[in-house]
Amino acid sequence: MDQERNRPGWTSQDIVQDGEALARRLANQQESSNQLRRFLGALRKIEARGESWFQSHADEVVFLKVPLTWAAARERKLEEFSQQLESRIDAVDNFEKFKSLTKFVEVVVAYHKKHGGPD
């Protein structure tokens, strides 16, 4: 993953390309989509609260690293997912970047299924 893509210039095309590449690797490892969907659900809950909530609770996003780390420790197949998401979480400093993070995980979940990843 290109670290510069965590910066404000991360485009929609980058999100799809990087997300699909990660999803393909996870599917090839036969990683279940359960943990991926669970993390996406956590992101969607925050996103649904809206930008004003996000601005006053932005530190909550950093704590999303905890369940990622825990999941990766339990299932080594999730280590790359965890590492990529942690670096992207570190780059989130506004609601637009948070929405890009959510889109990235949506892409990973969708392409994981497309590439034959187990449910």
Foldseek 3Di string as FASTA:
>chain_A
DDLCCLAPVNDPVNLLVVLLVLLLQLQVVLHACVVLVVLLVVLVVVVVVDFVVCVVPVVVLLVSLVVLVVVCVVPVSSVVVSVVLNSSSVSDDGSVSSVSSSSSSVSSSVSNVVNRRHD
